[in-house]
Amino acid sequence: MDHPLERDIDKRLATRLKSARQRRDLTLDVLAERTGVSRAMISRIERGESSPTAALLDRLTAGLGVTLSSLFHEERHAGPVARLVDQPVWLDPGTGYVRRNVSSPGIGSPVEIVDVTLPPGARVLLDGPRMLHRLDQQVWLLAGEIELSFGGASHRLRSGDCIHMLLDGPITYHNPGPEPARYAVVLMTADGLSQERPR
């Protein structure tokens, strides 16, 4: 499926990732070493020649010290209200996981809300090296069921359940059920570092 909106998101991700790397004076080689993502793959992503998966984006944003949400925001929509039509939606080409940034960008709040739909059987491993920032987050399951594994423990959530975690290590999201799982992620930078917003 090659939808114009998906191509636009891929272009935006490519531009924002490259810009974030260059602002930090990081070479492709240094970012590759920090993240475990090959130099060639980072280059393809930055040129818009490859659609990154959620796992790859997690590694790259962790290595750059930015939140994934900051890569999707459009400045023209900044303000106290984030209209549904303006909320960026991204489909992970690896798992079919769908992510929608709910929060309004550019308002100075350290809190972000993300709406996620995880297909039946899908598994997403986020294991980016958290060298530059840690995220304090809560996951509130709205429908279906998910299994979260982090910190050496596994937690099964059913509709209505909410879990708190400090995202400072690998975490796996798995939908073991026959139906899509939908959940809200409420996150905040836990180290007192300000989130980077696109300029």
Protein backbone atom coordinates (compact mmCIF):
# COMPACT_ATOMS: atom_id res chain seq x y z
CA MET A 1 0.00 0.00 0.00
CA ASP A 2 1.53 3.26 -1.16
CA HIS A 3 -0.70 6.08 -0.01
CA PRO A 4 0.29 9.76 -0.56
CA LEU A 5 -0.08 10.48 3.18
CA GLU A 6 2.25 7.59 4.01
CA ARG A 7 4.82 8.88 1.51
CA ASP A 8 4.51 12.33 3.10
CA ILE A 9 5.13 10.86 6.58
CA ASP A 10 8.20 8.98 5.30
CA LYS A 11 9.59 12.18 3.76
CA ARG A 12 8.95 14.09 6.97
CA LEU A 13 10.68 11.41 9.04
CA ALA A 14 13.66 11.44 6.69
CA THR A 15 14.01 15.23 6.88
CA ARG A 16 13.55 15.44 10.65
CA LEU A 17 15.95 12.60 11.43
CA LYS A 18 18.67 14.07 9.25
CA SER A 19 18.11 17.55 10.68
CA ALA A 20 18.23 16.25 14.29
CA ARG A 21 21.48 14.40 13.57
CA GLN A 22 23.11 17.40 11.91
CA ARG A 23 22.10 19.80 14.71
CA ARG A 24 24.03 17.55 17.09
CA ASP A 25 27.05 17.47 14.78
CA LEU A 26 26.83 13.68 14.60
CA THR A 27 28.20 11.80 11.63
CA LEU A 28 26.38 8.79 10.23
CA ASP A 29 29.14 6.63 11.67
CA VAL A 30 28.74 8.02 15.20
CA LEU A 31 24.95 7.63 15.13
CA ALA A 32 25.35 4.09 13.80
CA GLU A 33 27.70 3.27 16.69
CA ARG A 34 25.29 4.80 19.24
CA THR A 35 22.23 2.99 17.95
CA GLY A 36 23.37 -0.29 16.47
CA VAL A 37 21.69 0.68 13.18
CA SER A 38 24.01 0.39 10.19
CA ARG A 39 25.37 3.53 8.56
CA ALA A 40 23.93 2.39 5.23
CA MET A 41 20.43 1.95 6.70
CA ILE A 42 20.50 5.36 8.41
CA SER A 43 21.58 6.92 5.12
CA ARG A 44 18.74 5.20 3.21
CA ILE A 45 16.21 6.34 5.82
CA GLU A 46 17.50 9.94 5.72
CA ARG A 47 17.23 9.95 1.91
CA GLY A 48 13.66 8.65 2.10
CA GLU A 49 14.62 5.45 0.30
CA SER A 50 13.60 3.13 3.15
CA SER A 51 10.54 3.20 5.41
CA PRO A 52 11.82 2.65 8.97
CA THR A 53 10.07 0.27 11.33
CA ALA A 54 8.99 1.22 14.85
CA ALA A 55 11.99 -0.67 16.25
CA LEU A 56 14.44 1.23 14.01
CA LEU A 57 12.84 4.60 14.79
CA ASP A 58 13.02 3.84 18.51
CA ARG A 59 16.75 3.15 18.23
CA LEU A 60 17.40 6.29 16.19
CA THR A 61 15.35 8.65 18.39
CA ALA A 62 16.94 7.18 21.54
CA GLY A 63 20.38 7.74 20.04
CA LEU A 64 19.49 11.31 19.12
CA GLY A 65 17.83 12.08 22.47
CA VAL A 66 14.47 13.08 20.98
CA THR A 67 11.01 11.61 21.34
CA LEU A 68 9.41 9.82 18.42
CA SER A 69 6.44 12.18 18.64
CA SER A 70 8.66 15.18 17.89
CA LEU A 71 9.41 13.75 14.44
CA PHE A 72 5.76 13.82 13.41
CA HIS A 73 4.56 17.22 14.64
CA GLU A 74 3.74 19.99 12.21
CA GLU A 75 4.37 23.52 13.47
CA ARG A 76 1.40 24.93 11.60
CA HIS A 77 -0.92 22.96 13.90
CA ALA A 78 0.61 24.31 17.11
CA GLY A 79 -1.97 25.56 19.59
CA PRO A 80 -4.05 24.30 22.50
CA VAL A 81 -6.39 22.16 20.37
CA ALA A 82 -5.19 19.21 18.30
CA ARG A 83 -7.97 18.47 15.82
CA LEU A 84 -8.36 14.82 14.85
CA VAL A 85 -7.78 15.65 11.19
CA ASP A 86 -4.42 17.27 12.04
CA GLN A 87 -3.09 14.48 14.27
CA PRO A 88 -0.24 12.70 12.42
CA VAL A 89 -0.82 8.99 11.81
CA TRP A 90 1.97 6.53 11.02
CA LEU A 91 1.84 2.86 10.03
CA ASP A 92 4.80 0.66 10.99
CA PRO A 93 5.66 -1.24 7.79
CA GLY A 94 7.09 -4.10 9.86
CA THR A 95 4.13 -4.97 12.10
CA GLY A 96 1.08 -2.99 10.96
CA TYR A 97 1.17 -1.09 14.26
CA VAL A 98 -0.62 2.26 13.83
CA ARG A 99 0.46 5.29 15.86
CA ARG A 100 -1.42 8.60 16.13
CA ASN A 101 0.05 11.63 17.91
CA VAL A 102 -2.87 13.01 19.89
CA SER A 103 -1.21 15.90 21.73
CA SER A 104 -0.92 19.38 20.30
CA PRO A 105 2.67 20.32 19.45
CA GLY A 106 4.53 23.44 20.43
CA ILE A 107 2.58 24.25 23.60
CA GLY A 108 5.46 23.70 26.01
CA SER A 109 3.94 20.76 27.85
CA PRO A 110 6.29 17.91 28.87
CA VAL A 111 3.39 15.45 28.54
CA GLU A 112 2.51 13.69 25.28
CA ILE A 113 -0.37 11.37 24.43
CA VAL A 114 -0.16 8.76 21.69
CA ASP A 115 -2.98 6.53 20.42
CA VAL A 116 -1.77 3.09 19.26
CA THR A 117 -3.51 0.18 17.54
CA LEU A 118 -1.62 -3.12 17.60
CA PRO A 119 -2.87 -5.86 15.22
CA PRO A 120 -3.64 -9.37 16.47
CA GLY A 121 -0.45 -11.37 17.00
CA ALA A 122 1.80 -8.36 16.44
CA ARG A 123 4.93 -7.93 18.55
CA VAL A 124 6.98 -4.72 18.76
CA LEU A 125 10.34 -4.69 20.52
CA LEU A 126 11.65 -1.25 21.50
CA ASP A 127 15.23 -1.62 22.64
CA GLY A 128 16.85 1.69 21.72
CA PRO A 129 19.82 2.61 23.93
CA ARG A 130 18.47 5.19 26.42
CA MET A 131 21.69 7.14 26.81
CA LEU A 132 20.30 10.65 26.51
CA HIS A 133 16.83 10.49 27.98
CA ARG A 134 14.45 8.22 29.83
CA LEU A 135 10.70 8.32 29.46
CA ASP A 136 8.19 8.05 32.26
CA GLN A 137 5.08 6.55 30.69
CA GLN A 138 1.70 5.05 31.39
CA VAL A 139 -0.13 2.70 29.05
CA TRP A 140 -3.92 2.64 29.30
CA LEU A 141 -5.56 -0.21 27.39
CA LEU A 142 -8.77 0.94 25.71
CA ALA A 143 -9.73 -2.26 23.87
CA GLY A 144 -8.45 -5.80 23.46
CA GLU A 145 -5.46 -7.13 25.38
CA ILE A 146 -1.71 -6.67 25.34
CA GLU A 147 1.27 -8.19 27.06
CA LEU A 148 4.07 -5.84 28.10
CA SER A 149 7.50 -7.21 28.96
CA PHE A 150 10.13 -4.98 30.58
CA GLY A 151 12.51 -5.02 33.53
CA GLY A 152 12.52 -8.83 33.62
CA ALA A 153 8.74 -9.06 34.13
CA SER A 154 5.71 -9.59 31.92
CA HIS A 155 2.33 -7.93 32.46
CA ARG A 156 -0.94 -8.93 30.78
CA LEU A 157 -3.37 -6.01 30.39
CA ARG A 158 -7.05 -6.21 29.53
CA SER A 159 -9.43 -3.46 28.51
CA GLY A 160 -9.45 -0.67 31.10
CA ASP A 161 -6.15 -1.67 32.74
CA CYS A 162 -3.36 0.90 33.10
CA ILE A 163 0.32 0.35 33.84
CA HIS A 164 3.13 2.75 34.76
CA MET A 165 6.75 2.24 33.73
CA LEU A 166 10.03 4.05 33.40
CA LEU A 167 11.19 3.39 29.87
CA ASP A 168 14.91 3.11 30.49
CA GLY A 169 15.47 -0.31 28.91
CA PRO A 170 13.99 -2.71 26.36
CA ILE A 171 10.23 -3.16 26.25
CA THR A 172 8.10 -5.53 24.18
CA TYR A 173 4.48 -4.89 23.25
CA HIS A 174 2.61 -8.03 22.17
CA ASN A 175 -1.03 -8.52 21.22
CA PRO A 176 -1.82 -12.16 22.06
CA GLY A 177 -5.53 -11.81 21.30
CA PRO A 178 -7.63 -12.34 18.15
CA GLU A 179 -8.69 -8.68 17.93
CA PRO A 180 -6.74 -5.43 17.45
CA ALA A 181 -5.57 -3.90 20.74
CA ARG A 182 -5.95 -0.15 21.15
CA TYR A 183 -4.18 1.75 23.88
CA ALA A 184 -3.17 5.25 24.90
CA VAL A 185 0.42 5.99 25.87
CA VAL A 186 0.89 9.01 28.12
CA LEU A 187 4.56 9.88 28.36
CA MET A 188 6.84 12.47 29.86
CA THR A 189 10.59 12.95 29.77
CA ALA A 190 11.78 11.69 33.15
CA ASP A 191 15.20 13.31 33.34
CA GLY A 192 14.14 16.94 33.31
CA LEU A 193 15.46 17.25 29.76
CA SER A 194 13.35 19.33 27.46
CA GLN A 195 11.91 17.54 24.48
CA GLU A 196 13.10 18.67 21.13
CA ARG A 197 10.48 20.15 18.88
CA PRO A 198 10.96 20.62 15.16
CA ARG A 199 12.11 24.10 14.23
